[in-house]
Amino acid sequence: TGDLLALAPLADGGEGTLDAIAAAGGWDWRTTDVMGPLGQPVDARWLI
């Protein structure tokens, strides 16, 4: 309708938080190999 909207993605700090932060803009994705809870390698994403 032409209304001006302020976008403010929200998350609770768990799964999906990085996606909400990235949606706000000004972030670059990175991936790092980490050890999962059972000792297996996991590719974990993070933002800078």
ModelCIF file with pLDDT and N, C-alpha, C, O atoms, coordinates in Angstrom:
data_MODEL
#
_entry.id   MODEL 
#
_entity.id                         1 
_entity.type                       polymer 
_entity.pdbx_number_of_molecules   1 
#
_entity_poly.entity_id                      1 
_entity_poly.type                           'polypeptide(L)' 
_entity_poly.nstd_linkage                   no 
_entity_poly.nstd_monomer                   no 
_entity_poly.pdbx_seq_one_letter_code       TGDLLALAPLADGGEGTLDAIAAAGGWDWRTTDVMGPLGQPVDARWLI 
_entity_poly.pdbx_seq_one_letter_code_can   TGDLLALAPLADGGEGTLDAIAAAGGWDWRTTDVMGPLGQPVDARWLI 
_entity_poly.pdbx_strand_id                 A 
#
loop_
_entity_poly_seq.entity_id 
_entity_poly_seq.num 
_entity_poly_seq.mon_id 
_entity_poly_seq.hetero 
1 1  THR n 
1 2  GLY n 
1 3  ASP n 
1 4  LEU n 
1 5  LEU n 
1 6  ALA n 
1 7  LEU n 
1 8  ALA n 
1 9  PRO n 
1 10 LEU n 
1 11 ALA n 
1 12 ASP n 
1 13 GLY n 
1 14 GLY n 
1 15 GLU n 
1 16 GLY n 
1 17 THR n 
1 18 LEU n 
1 19 ASP n 
1 20 ALA n 
1 21 ILE n 
1 22 ALA n 
1 23 ALA n 
1 24 ALA n 
1 25 GLY n 
1 26 GLY n 
1 27 TRP n 
1 28 ASP n 
1 29 TRP n 
1 30 ARG n 
1 31 THR n 
1 32 THR n 
1 33 ASP n 
1 34 VAL n 
1 35 MET n 
1 36 GLY n 
1 37 PRO n 
1 38 LEU n 
1 39 GLY n 
1 40 GLN n 
1 41 PRO n 
1 42 VAL n 
1 43 ASP n 
1 44 ALA n 
1 45 ARG n 
1 46 TRP n 
1 47 LEU n 
1 48 ILE n 
#
_struct_asym.id          A 
_struct_asym.entity_id   1 
#
loop_
_ma_qa_metric.id 
_ma_qa_metric.mode 
_ma_qa_metric.name 
_ma_qa_metric.software_group_id 
_ma_qa_metric.type 
1 global pLDDT . pLDDT 
2 local  pLDDT . pLDDT 
#
_ma_qa_metric_global.metric_id      1 
_ma_qa_metric_global.metric_value   89.02 
_ma_qa_metric_global.model_id       1 
_ma_qa_metric_global.ordinal_id     1 
#
loop_
_ma_qa_metric_local.label_asym_id 
_ma_qa_metric_local.label_comp_id 
_ma_qa_metric_local.label_seq_id 
_ma_qa_metric_local.metric_id 
_ma_qa_metric_local.metric_value 
_ma_qa_metric_local.model_id 
_ma_qa_metric_local.ordinal_id 
A THR 1  2 90.00 1 1  
A GLY 2  2 88.00 1 2  
A ASP 3  2 90.00 1 3  
A LEU 4  2 89.00 1 4  
A LEU 5  2 80.00 1 5  
A ALA 6  2 78.00 1 6  
A LEU 7  2 72.00 1 7  
A ALA 8  2 73.00 1 8  
A PRO 9  2 74.00 1 9  
A LEU 10 2 78.00 1 10 
A ALA 11 2 81.00 1 11 
A ASP 12 2 81.00 1 12 
A GLY 13 2 78.00 1 13 
A GLY 14 2 80.00 1 14 
A GLU 15 2 84.00 1 15 
A GLY 16 2 86.00 1 16 
A THR 17 2 89.00 1 17 
A LEU 18 2 93.00 1 18 
A ASP 19 2 92.00 1 19 
A ALA 20 2 89.00 1 20 
A ILE 21 2 90.00 1 21 
A ALA 22 2 93.00 1 22 
A ALA 23 2 89.00 1 23 
A ALA 24 2 85.00 1 24 
A GLY 25 2 90.00 1 25 
A GLY 26 2 93.00 1 26 
A TRP 27 2 95.00 1 27 
A ASP 28 2 97.00 1 28 
A TRP 29 2 98.00 1 29 
A ARG 30 2 97.00 1 30 
A THR 31 2 96.00 1 31 
A THR 32 2 95.00 1 32 
A ASP 33 2 94.00 1 33 
A VAL 34 2 94.00 1 34 
A MET 35 2 93.00 1 35 
A GLY 36 2 91.00 1 36 
A PRO 37 2 89.00 1 37 
A LEU 38 2 91.00 1 38 
A GLY 39 2 92.00 1 39 
A GLN 40 2 93.00 1 40 
A PRO 41 2 93.00 1 41 
A VAL 42 2 92.00 1 42 
A ASP 43 2 93.00 1 43 
A ALA 44 2 93.00 1 44 
A ARG 45 2 94.00 1 45 
A TRP 46 2 95.00 1 46 
A LEU 47 2 96.00 1 47 
A ILE 48 2 97.00 1 48 
#
loop_
_atom_site.group_PDB 
_atom_site.id 
_atom_site.type_symbol 
_atom_site.label_atom_id 
_atom_site.label_alt_id 
_atom_site.label_comp_id 
_atom_site.label_asym_id 
_atom_site.label_entity_id 
_atom_site.label_seq_id 
_atom_site.pdbx_PDB_ins_code 
_atom_site.Cartn_x 
_atom_site.Cartn_y 
_atom_site.Cartn_z 
_atom_site.occupancy 
_atom_site.B_iso_or_equiv 
_atom_site.pdbx_formal_charge 
_atom_site.auth_seq_id 
_atom_site.auth_comp_id 
_atom_site.auth_asym_id 
_atom_site.auth_atom_id 
_atom_site.pdbx_PDB_model_num 
ATOM 1   N N  . THR A 1 1  ? 0.816  -1.217  0.000  1.00 90.00 ? 1  THR A N  1 
ATOM 2   C CA . THR A 1 1  ? 0.000  0.000   0.000  1.00 90.00 ? 1  THR A CA 1 
ATOM 3   C C  . THR A 1 1  ? 0.847  1.264   0.000  1.00 90.00 ? 1  THR A C  1 
ATOM 4   O O  . THR A 1 1  ? 0.325  2.375   0.084  1.00 90.00 ? 1  THR A O  1 
ATOM 5   N N  . GLY A 1 2  ? 2.179  1.080   -0.097 1.00 88.00 ? 2  GLY A N  1 
ATOM 6   C CA . GLY A 1 2  ? 3.067  2.228   -0.106 1.00 88.00 ? 2  GLY A CA 1 
ATOM 7   C C  . GLY A 1 2  ? 3.561  2.637   1.269  1.00 88.00 ? 2  GLY A C  1 
ATOM 8   O O  . GLY A 1 2  ? 4.363  3.563   1.396  1.00 88.00 ? 2  GLY A O  1 
ATOM 9   N N  . ASP A 1 3  ? 3.084  1.948   2.301  1.00 90.00 ? 3  ASP A N  1 
ATOM 10  C CA . ASP A 1 3  ? 3.544  2.256   3.653  1.00 90.00 ? 3  ASP A CA 1 
ATOM 11  C C  . ASP A 1 3  ? 5.026  1.932   3.790  1.00 90.00 ? 3  ASP A C  1 
ATOM 12  O O  . ASP A 1 3  ? 5.517  0.973   3.194  1.00 90.00 ? 3  ASP A O  1 
ATOM 13  N N  . LEU A 1 4  ? 5.731  2.732   4.574  1.00 89.00 ? 4  LEU A N  1 
ATOM 14  C CA . LEU A 1 4  ? 7.134  2.499   4.836  1.00 89.00 ? 4  LEU A CA 1 
ATOM 15  C C  . LEU A 1 4  ? 7.263  1.493   5.982  1.00 89.00 ? 4  LEU A C  1 
ATOM 16  O O  . LEU A 1 4  ? 6.716  1.710   7.063  1.00 89.00 ? 4  LEU A O  1 
ATOM 17  N N  . LEU A 1 5  ? 7.976  0.406   5.750  1.00 80.00 ? 5  LEU A N  1 
ATOM 18  C CA . LEU A 1 5  ? 8.124  -0.660  6.733  1.00 80.00 ? 5  LEU A CA 1 
ATOM 19  C C  . LEU A 1 5  ? 9.562  -0.743  7.217  1.00 80.00 ? 5  LEU A C  1 
ATOM 20  O O  . LEU A 1 5  ? 10.496 -0.700  6.416  1.00 80.00 ? 5  LEU A O  1 
ATOM 21  N N  . ALA A 1 6  ? 9.741  -0.861  8.523  1.00 78.00 ? 6  ALA A N  1 
ATOM 22  C CA . ALA A 1 6  ? 11.065 -1.097  9.100  1.00 78.00 ? 6  ALA A CA 1 
ATOM 23  C C  . ALA A 1 6  ? 11.198 -2.598  9.314  1.00 78.00 ? 6  ALA A C  1 
ATOM 24  O O  . ALA A 1 6  ? 10.411 -3.196  10.048 1.00 78.00 ? 6  ALA A O  1 
ATOM 25  N N  . LEU A 1 7  ? 12.194 -3.210  8.673  1.00 72.00 ? 7  LEU A N  1 
ATOM 26  C CA . LEU A 1 7  ? 12.408 -4.643  8.802  1.00 72.00 ? 7  LEU A CA 1 
ATOM 27  C C  . LEU A 1 7  ? 13.315 -4.901  9.990  1.00 72.00 ? 7  LEU A C  1 
ATOM 28  O O  . LEU A 1 7  ? 14.397 -4.322  10.090 1.00 72.00 ? 7  LEU A O  1 
ATOM 29  N N  . ALA A 1 8  ? 12.877 -5.768  10.891 1.00 73.00 ? 8  ALA A N  1 
ATOM 30  C CA . ALA A 1 8  ? 13.648 -6.080  12.098 1.00 73.00 ? 8  ALA A CA 1 
ATOM 31  C C  . ALA A 1 8  ? 13.567 -7.583  12.362 1.00 73.00 ? 8  ALA A C  1 
ATOM 32  O O  . ALA A 1 8  ? 12.750 -8.031  13.167 1.00 73.00 ? 8  ALA A O  1 
ATOM 33  N N  . PRO A 1 9  ? 14.422 -8.365  11.681 1.00 74.00 ? 9  PRO A N  1 
ATOM 34  C CA . PRO A 1 9  ? 14.394 -9.814  11.905 1.00 74.00 ? 9  PRO A CA 1 
ATOM 35  C C  . PRO A 1 9  ? 14.675 -10.145 13.371 1.00 74.00 ? 9  PRO A C  1 
ATOM 36  O O  . PRO A 1 9  ? 15.521 -9.514  14.005 1.00 74.00 ? 9  PRO A O  1 
ATOM 37  N N  . LEU A 1 10 ? 13.965 -11.128 13.901 1.00 78.00 ? 10 LEU A N  1 
ATOM 38  C CA . LEU A 1 10 ? 14.127 -11.537 15.293 1.00 78.00 ? 10 LEU A CA 1 
ATOM 39  C C  . LEU A 1 10 ? 14.447 -13.017 15.374 1.00 78.00 ? 10 LEU A C  1 
ATOM 40  O O  . LEU A 1 10 ? 14.053 -13.791 14.501 1.00 78.00 ? 10 LEU A O  1 
ATOM 41  N N  . ALA A 1 11 ? 15.158 -13.412 16.416 1.00 81.00 ? 11 ALA A N  1 
ATOM 42  C CA . ALA A 1 11 ? 15.451 -14.821 16.673 1.00 81.00 ? 11 ALA A CA 1 
ATOM 43  C C  . ALA A 1 11 ? 15.658 -14.989 18.167 1.00 81.00 ? 11 ALA A C  1 
ATOM 44  O O  . ALA A 1 11 ? 15.904 -14.019 18.884 1.00 81.00 ? 11 ALA A O  1 
ATOM 45  N N  . ASP A 1 12 ? 15.558 -16.228 18.631 1.00 81.00 ? 12 ASP A N  1 
ATOM 46  C CA . ASP A 1 12 ? 15.682 -16.496 20.069 1.00 81.00 ? 12 ASP A CA 1 
ATOM 47  C C  . ASP A 1 12 ? 17.080 -16.927 20.485 1.00 81.00 ? 12 ASP A C  1 
ATOM 48  O O  . ASP A 1 12 ? 17.294 -17.284 21.644 1.00 81.00 ? 12 ASP A O  1 
ATOM 49  N N  . GLY A 1 13 ? 18.029 -16.901 19.567 1.00 78.00 ? 13 GLY A N  1 
ATOM 50  C CA . GLY A 1 13 ? 19.401 -17.286 19.885 1.00 78.00 ? 13 GLY A CA 1 
ATOM 51  C C  . GLY A 1 13 ? 19.724 -18.717 19.506 1.00 78.00 ? 13 GLY A C  1 
ATOM 52  O O  . GLY A 1 13 ? 20.881 -19.128 19.596 1.00 78.00 ? 13 GLY A O  1 
ATOM 53  N N  . GLY A 1 14 ? 18.731 -19.488 19.085 1.00 80.00 ? 14 GLY A N  1 
ATOM 54  C CA . GLY A 1 14 ? 18.951 -20.869 18.675 1.00 80.00 ? 14 GLY A CA 1 
ATOM 55  C C  . GLY A 1 14 ? 19.033 -20.982 17.166 1.00 80.00 ? 14 GLY A C  1 
ATOM 56  O O  . GLY A 1 14 ? 19.449 -20.053 16.474 1.00 80.00 ? 14 GLY A O  1 
ATOM 57  N N  . GLU A 1 15 ? 18.628 -22.141 16.672 1.00 84.00 ? 15 GLU A N  1 
ATOM 58  C CA . GLU A 1 15 ? 18.668 -22.399 15.243 1.00 84.00 ? 15 GLU A CA 1 
ATOM 59  C C  . GLU A 1 15 ? 17.907 -21.321 14.480 1.00 84.00 ? 15 GLU A C  1 
ATOM 60  O O  . GLU A 1 15 ? 16.776 -20.989 14.832 1.00 84.00 ? 15 GLU A O  1 
ATOM 61  N N  . GLY A 1 16 ? 18.518 -20.781 13.449 1.00 86.00 ? 16 GLY A N  1 
ATOM 62  C CA . GLY A 1 16 ? 17.913 -19.728 12.641 1.00 86.00 ? 16 GLY A CA 1 
ATOM 63  C C  . GLY A 1 16 ? 18.356 -18.331 13.006 1.00 86.00 ? 16 GLY A C  1 
ATOM 64  O O  . GLY A 1 16 ? 18.050 -17.378 12.289 1.00 86.00 ? 16 GLY A O  1 
ATOM 65  N N  . THR A 1 17 ? 19.076 -18.191 14.116 1.00 89.00 ? 17 THR A N  1 
ATOM 66  C CA . THR A 1 17 ? 19.524 -16.860 14.543 1.00 89.00 ? 17 THR A CA 1 
ATOM 67  C C  . THR A 1 17 ? 20.437 -16.221 13.502 1.00 89.00 ? 17 THR A C  1 
ATOM 68  O O  . THR A 1 17 ? 20.289 -15.039 13.191 1.00 89.00 ? 17 THR A O  1 
ATOM 69  N N  . LEU A 1 18 ? 21.375 -16.988 12.964 1.00 93.00 ? 18 LEU A N  1 
ATOM 70  C CA . LEU A 1 18 ? 22.289 -16.418 11.969 1.00 93.00 ? 18 LEU A CA 1 
ATOM 71  C C  . LEU A 1 18 ? 21.536 -15.941 10.735 1.00 93.00 ? 18 LEU A C  1 
ATOM 72  O O  . LEU A 1 18 ? 21.874 -14.903 10.166 1.00 93.00 ? 18 LEU A O  1 
ATOM 73  N N  . ASP A 1 19 ? 20.521 -16.688 10.318 1.00 92.00 ? 19 ASP A N  1 
ATOM 74  C CA . ASP A 1 19 ? 19.737 -16.269 9.159  1.00 92.00 ? 19 ASP A CA 1 
ATOM 75  C C  . ASP A 1 19 ? 19.024 -14.946 9.426  1.00 92.00 ? 19 ASP A C  1 
ATOM 76  O O  . ASP A 1 19 ? 18.938 -14.094 8.541  1.00 92.00 ? 19 ASP A O  1 
ATOM 77  N N  . ALA A 1 20 ? 18.514 -14.776 10.642 1.00 89.00 ? 20 ALA A N  1 
ATOM 78  C CA . ALA A 1 20 ? 17.832 -13.528 11.004 1.00 89.00 ? 20 ALA A CA 1 
ATOM 79  C C  . ALA A 1 20 ? 18.812 -12.362 11.023 1.00 89.00 ? 20 ALA A C  1 
ATOM 80  O O  . ALA A 1 20 ? 18.494 -11.276 10.538 1.00 89.00 ? 20 ALA A O  1 
ATOM 81  N N  . ILE A 1 21 ? 19.993 -12.576 11.578 1.00 90.00 ? 21 ILE A N  1 
ATOM 82  C CA . ILE A 1 21 ? 20.998 -11.511 11.623 1.00 90.00 ? 21 ILE A CA 1 
ATOM 83  C C  . ILE A 1 21 ? 21.447 -11.161 10.209 1.00 90.00 ? 21 ILE A C  1 
ATOM 84  O O  . ILE A 1 21 ? 21.551 -9.984  9.866  1.00 90.00 ? 21 ILE A O  1 
ATOM 85  N N  . ALA A 1 22 ? 21.714 -12.174 9.384  1.00 93.00 ? 22 ALA A N  1 
ATOM 86  C CA . ALA A 1 22 ? 22.180 -11.934 8.019  1.00 93.00 ? 22 ALA A CA 1 
ATOM 87  C C  . ALA A 1 22 ? 21.142 -11.162 7.204  1.00 93.00 ? 22 ALA A C  1 
ATOM 88  O O  . ALA A 1 22 ? 21.502 -10.369 6.334  1.00 93.00 ? 22 ALA A O  1 
ATOM 89  N N  . ALA A 1 23 ? 19.862 -11.390 7.479  1.00 89.00 ? 23 ALA A N  1 
ATOM 90  C CA . ALA A 1 23 ? 18.797 -10.705 6.743  1.00 89.00 ? 23 ALA A CA 1 
ATOM 91  C C  . ALA A 1 23 ? 18.836 -9.192  6.943  1.00 89.00 ? 23 ALA A C  1 
ATOM 92  O O  . ALA A 1 23 ? 18.344 -8.438  6.104  1.00 89.00 ? 23 ALA A O  1 
ATOM 93  N N  . ALA A 1 24 ? 19.418 -8.755  8.047  1.00 85.00 ? 24 ALA A N  1 
ATOM 94  C CA . ALA A 1 24 ? 19.508 -7.320  8.316  1.00 85.00 ? 24 ALA A CA 1 
ATOM 95  C C  . ALA A 1 24 ? 20.558 -6.637  7.449  1.00 85.00 ? 24 ALA A C  1 
ATOM 96  O O  . ALA A 1 24 ? 20.549 -5.413  7.318  1.00 85.00 ? 24 ALA A O  1 
ATOM 97  N N  . GLY A 1 25 ? 21.464 -7.413  6.855  1.00 90.00 ? 25 GLY A N  1 
ATOM 98  C CA . GLY A 1 25 ? 22.498 -6.867  5.975  1.00 90.00 ? 25 GLY A CA 1 
ATOM 99  C C  . GLY A 1 25 ? 23.756 -6.466  6.725  1.00 90.00 ? 25 GLY A C  1 
ATOM 100 O O  . GLY A 1 25 ? 23.737 -6.261  7.939  1.00 90.00 ? 25 GLY A O  1 
ATOM 101 N N  . GLY A 1 26 ? 24.842 -6.359  5.987  1.00 93.00 ? 26 GLY A N  1 
ATOM 102 C CA . GLY A 1 26 ? 26.117 -5.938  6.564  1.00 93.00 ? 26 GLY A CA 1 
ATOM 103 C C  . GLY A 1 26 ? 26.949 -7.083  7.127  1.00 93.00 ? 26 GLY A C  1 
ATOM 104 O O  . GLY A 1 26 ? 27.846 -6.856  7.939  1.00 93.00 ? 26 GLY A O  1 
ATOM 105 N N  . TRP A 1 27 ? 26.657 -8.322  6.697  1.00 95.00 ? 27 TRP A N  1 
ATOM 106 C CA . TRP A 1 27 ? 27.338 -9.504  7.231  1.00 95.00 ? 27 TRP A CA 1 
ATOM 107 C C  . TRP A 1 27 ? 27.842 -10.379 6.103  1.00 95.00 ? 27 TRP A C  1 
ATOM 108 O O  . TRP A 1 27 ? 27.244 -10.435 5.029  1.00 95.00 ? 27 TRP A O  1 
ATOM 109 N N  . ASP A 1 28 ? 28.957 -11.066 6.358  1.00 97.00 ? 28 ASP A N  1 
ATOM 110 C CA . ASP A 1 28 ? 29.507 -12.036 5.423  1.00 97.00 ? 28 ASP A CA 1 
ATOM 111 C C  . ASP A 1 28 ? 29.493 -13.415 6.078  1.00 97.00 ? 28 ASP A C  1 
ATOM 112 O O  . ASP A 1 28 ? 29.828 -13.556 7.254  1.00 97.00 ? 28 ASP A O  1 
ATOM 113 N N  . TRP A 1 29 ? 29.101 -14.429 5.307  1.00 98.00 ? 29 TRP A N  1 
ATOM 114 C CA . TRP A 1 29 ? 29.084 -15.802 5.809  1.00 98.00 ? 29 TRP A CA 1 
ATOM 115 C C  . TRP A 1 29 ? 30.483 -16.399 5.770  1.00 98.00 ? 29 TRP A C  1 
ATOM 116 O O  . TRP A 1 29 ? 31.260 -16.123 4.857  1.00 98.00 ? 29 TRP A O  1 
ATOM 117 N N  . ARG A 1 30 ? 30.794 -17.209 6.754  1.00 97.00 ? 30 ARG A N  1 
ATOM 118 C CA . ARG A 1 30 ? 32.031 -17.995 6.814  1.00 97.00 ? 30 ARG A CA 1 
ATOM 119 C C  . ARG A 1 30 ? 31.647 -19.408 7.228  1.00 97.00 ? 30 ARG A C  1 
ATOM 120 O O  . ARG A 1 30 ? 30.582 -19.620 7.808  1.00 97.00 ? 30 ARG A O  1 
ATOM 121 N N  . THR A 1 31 ? 32.509 -20.371 6.933  1.00 96.00 ? 31 THR A N  1 
ATOM 122 C CA . THR A 1 31 ? 32.323 -21.753 7.355  1.00 96.00 ? 31 THR A CA 1 
ATOM 123 C C  . THR A 1 31 ? 33.626 -22.245 7.965  1.00 96.00 ? 31 THR A C  1 
ATOM 124 O O  . THR A 1 31 ? 34.710 -21.989 7.440  1.00 96.00 ? 31 THR A O  1 
ATOM 125 N N  . THR A 1 32 ? 33.507 -22.950 9.073  1.00 95.00 ? 32 THR A N  1 
ATOM 126 C CA . THR A 1 32 ? 34.669 -23.499 9.771  1.00 95.00 ? 32 THR A CA 1 
ATOM 127 C C  . THR A 1 32 ? 34.383 -24.950 10.135 1.00 95.00 ? 32 THR A C  1 
ATOM 128 O O  . THR A 1 32 ? 33.268 -25.296 10.525 1.00 95.00 ? 32 THR A O  1 
ATOM 129 N N  . ASP A 1 33 ? 35.408 -25.796 10.002 1.00 94.00 ? 33 ASP A N  1 
ATOM 130 C CA . ASP A 1 33 ? 35.280 -27.189 10.443 1.00 94.00 ? 33 ASP A CA 1 
ATOM 131 C C  . ASP A 1 33 ? 35.388 -27.222 11.960 1.00 94.00 ? 33 ASP A C  1 
ATOM 132 O O  . ASP A 1 33 ? 36.359 -26.722 12.528 1.00 94.00 ? 33 ASP A O  1 
ATOM 133 N N  . VAL A 1 34 ? 34.402 -27.803 12.610 1.00 94.00 ? 34 VAL A N  1 
ATOM 134 C CA . VAL A 1 34 ? 34.394 -27.939 14.074 1.00 94.00 ? 34 VAL A CA 1 
ATOM 135 C C  . VAL A 1 34 ? 34.081 -29.383 14.434 1.00 94.00 ? 34 VAL A C  1 
ATOM 136 O O  . VAL A 1 34 ? 33.698 -30.175 13.572 1.00 94.00 ? 34 VAL A O  1 
ATOM 137 N N  . MET A 1 35 ? 34.242 -29.723 15.700 1.00 93.00 ? 35 MET A N  1 
ATOM 138 C CA . MET A 1 35 ? 33.920 -31.057 16.167 1.00 93.00 ? 35 MET A CA 1 
ATOM 139 C C  . MET A 1 35 ? 32.522 -31.054 16.772 1.00 93.00 ? 35 MET A C  1 
ATOM 140 O O  . MET A 1 35 ? 32.239 -30.266 17.675 1.00 93.00 ? 35 MET A O  1 
ATOM 141 N N  . GLY A 1 36 ? 31.649 -31.924 16.284 1.00 91.00 ? 36 GLY A N  1 
ATOM 142 C CA . GLY A 1 36 ? 30.292 -32.029 16.786 1.00 91.00 ? 36 GLY A CA 1 
ATOM 143 C C  . GLY A 1 36 ? 30.256 -32.721 18.139 1.00 91.00 ? 36 GLY A C  1 
ATOM 144 O O  . GLY A 1 36 ? 31.298 -33.143 18.642 1.00 91.00 ? 36 GLY A O  1 
ATOM 145 N N  . PRO A 1 37 ? 29.082 -32.845 18.734 1.00 89.00 ? 37 PRO A N  1 
ATOM 146 C CA . PRO A 1 37 ? 28.946 -33.403 20.079 1.00 89.00 ? 37 PRO A CA 1 
ATOM 147 C C  . PRO A 1 37 ? 29.362 -34.870 20.184 1.00 89.00 ? 37 PRO A C  1 
ATOM 148 O O  . PRO A 1 37 ? 29.674 -35.346 21.276 1.00 89.00 ? 37 PRO A O  1 
ATOM 149 N N  . LEU A 1 38 ? 29.369 -35.586 19.069 1.00 91.00 ? 38 LEU A N  1 
ATOM 150 C CA . LEU A 1 38 ? 29.772 -36.992 19.083 1.00 91.00 ? 38 LEU A CA 1 
ATOM 151 C C  . LEU A 1 38 ? 31.187 -37.185 18.533 1.00 91.00 ? 38 LEU A C  1 
ATOM 152 O O  . LEU A 1 38 ? 31.608 -38.307 18.251 1.00 91.00 ? 38 LEU A O  1 
ATOM 153 N N  . GLY A 1 39 ? 31.915 -36.068 18.385 1.00 92.00 ? 39 GLY A N  1 
ATOM 154 C CA . GLY A 1 39 ? 33.296 -36.124 17.928 1.00 92.00 ? 39 GLY A CA 1 
ATOM 155 C C  . GLY A 1 39 ? 33.455 -36.162 16.420 1.00 92.00 ? 39 GLY A C  1 
ATOM 156 O O  . GLY A 1 39 ? 34.574 -36.297 15.928 1.00 92.00 ? 39 GLY A O  1 
ATOM 157 N N  . GLN A 1 40 ? 32.374 -36.047 15.680 1.00 93.00 ? 40 GLN A N  1 
ATOM 158 C CA . GLN A 1 40 ? 32.453 -36.065 14.225 1.00 93.00 ? 40 GLN A CA 1 
ATOM 159 C C  . GLN A 1 40 ? 32.705 -34.655 13.697 1.00 93.00 ? 40 GLN A C  1 
ATOM 160 O O  . GLN A 1 40 ? 32.307 -33.680 14.334 1.00 93.00 ? 40 GLN A O  1 
ATOM 161 N N  . PRO A 1 41 ? 33.366 -34.535 12.533 1.00 93.00 ? 41 PRO A N  1 
ATOM 162 C CA . PRO A 1 41 ? 33.569 -33.203 11.955 1.00 93.00 ? 41 PRO A CA 1 
ATOM 163 C C  . PRO A 1 41 ? 32.261 -32.628 11.415 1.00 93.00 ? 41 PRO A C  1 
ATOM 164 O O  . PRO A 1 41 ? 31.446 -33.346 10.835 1.00 93.00 ? 41 PRO A O  1 
ATOM 165 N N  . VAL A 1 42 ? 32.075 -31.346 11.609 1.00 92.00 ? 42 VAL A N  1 
ATOM 166 C CA . VAL A 1 42 ? 30.876 -30.638 11.155 1.00 92.00 ? 42 VAL A CA 1 
ATOM 167 C C  . VAL A 1 42 ? 31.324 -29.321 10.529 1.00 92.00 ? 42 VAL A C  1 
ATOM 168 O O  . VAL A 1 42 ? 32.188 -28.636 11.076 1.00 92.00 ? 42 VAL A O  1 
ATOM 169 N N  . ASP A 1 43 ? 30.742 -28.967 9.390  1.00 93.00 ? 43 ASP A N  1 
ATOM 170 C CA . ASP A 1 43 ? 30.965 -27.644 8.801  1.00 93.00 ? 43 ASP A CA 1 
ATOM 171 C C  . ASP A 1 43 ? 29.971 -26.684 9.432  1.00 93.00 ? 43 ASP A C  1 
ATOM 172 O O  . ASP A 1 43 ? 28.772 -26.782 9.170  1.00 93.00 ? 43 ASP A O  1 
ATOM 173 N N  . ALA A 1 44 ? 30.437 -25.767 10.249 1.00 93.00 ? 44 ALA A N  1 
ATOM 174 C CA . ALA A 1 44 ? 29.566 -24.816 10.936 1.00 93.00 ? 44 ALA A CA 1 
ATOM 175 C C  . ALA A 1 44 ? 29.689 -23.437 10.293 1.00 93.00 ? 44 ALA A C  1 
ATOM 176 O O  . ALA A 1 44 ? 30.790 -22.936 10.069 1.00 93.00 ? 44 ALA A O  1 
ATOM 177 N N  . ARG A 1 45 ? 28.546 -22.839 10.004 1.00 94.00 ? 45 ARG A N  1 
ATOM 178 C CA . ARG A 1 45 ? 28.533 -21.490 9.434  1.00 94.00 ? 45 ARG A CA 1 
ATOM 179 C C  . ARG A 1 45 ? 28.567 -20.456 10.556 1.00 94.00 ? 45 ARG A C  1 
ATOM 180 O O  . ARG A 1 45 ? 28.102 -20.718 11.665 1.00 94.00 ? 45 ARG A O  1 
ATOM 181 N N  . TRP A 1 46 ? 29.110 -19.302 10.266 1.00 95.00 ? 46 TRP A N  1 
ATOM 182 C CA . TRP A 1 46 ? 29.094 -18.184 11.197 1.00 95.00 ? 46 TRP A CA 1 
ATOM 183 C C  . TRP A 1 46 ? 29.134 -16.902 10.388 1.00 95.00 ? 46 TRP A C  1 
ATOM 184 O O  . TRP A 1 46 ? 29.382 -16.925 9.183  1.00 95.00 ? 46 TRP A O  1 
ATOM 185 N N  . LEU A 1 47 ? 28.887 -15.782 11.058 1.00 96.00 ? 47 LEU A N  1 
ATOM 186 C CA . LEU A 1 47 ? 28.847 -14.480 10.396 1.00 96.00 ? 47 LEU A CA 1 
ATOM 187 C C  . LEU A 1 47 ? 29.925 -13.570 10.932 1.00 96.00 ? 47 LEU A C  1 
ATOM 188 O O  . LEU A 1 47 ? 30.268 -13.615 12.113 1.00 96.00 ? 47 LEU A O  1 
ATOM 189 N N  . ILE A 1 48 ? 30.460 -12.739 10.045 1.00 97.00 ? 48 ILE A N  1 
ATOM 190 C CA . ILE A 1 48 ? 31.362 -11.659 10.455 1.00 97.00 ? 48 ILE A CA 1 
ATOM 191 C C  . ILE A 1 48 ? 30.860 -10.377 9.810  1.00 97.00 ? 48 ILE A C  1 
ATOM 192 O O  . ILE A 1 48 ? 31.454 -9.315  10.002 1.00 97.00 ? 48 ILE A O  1 
#
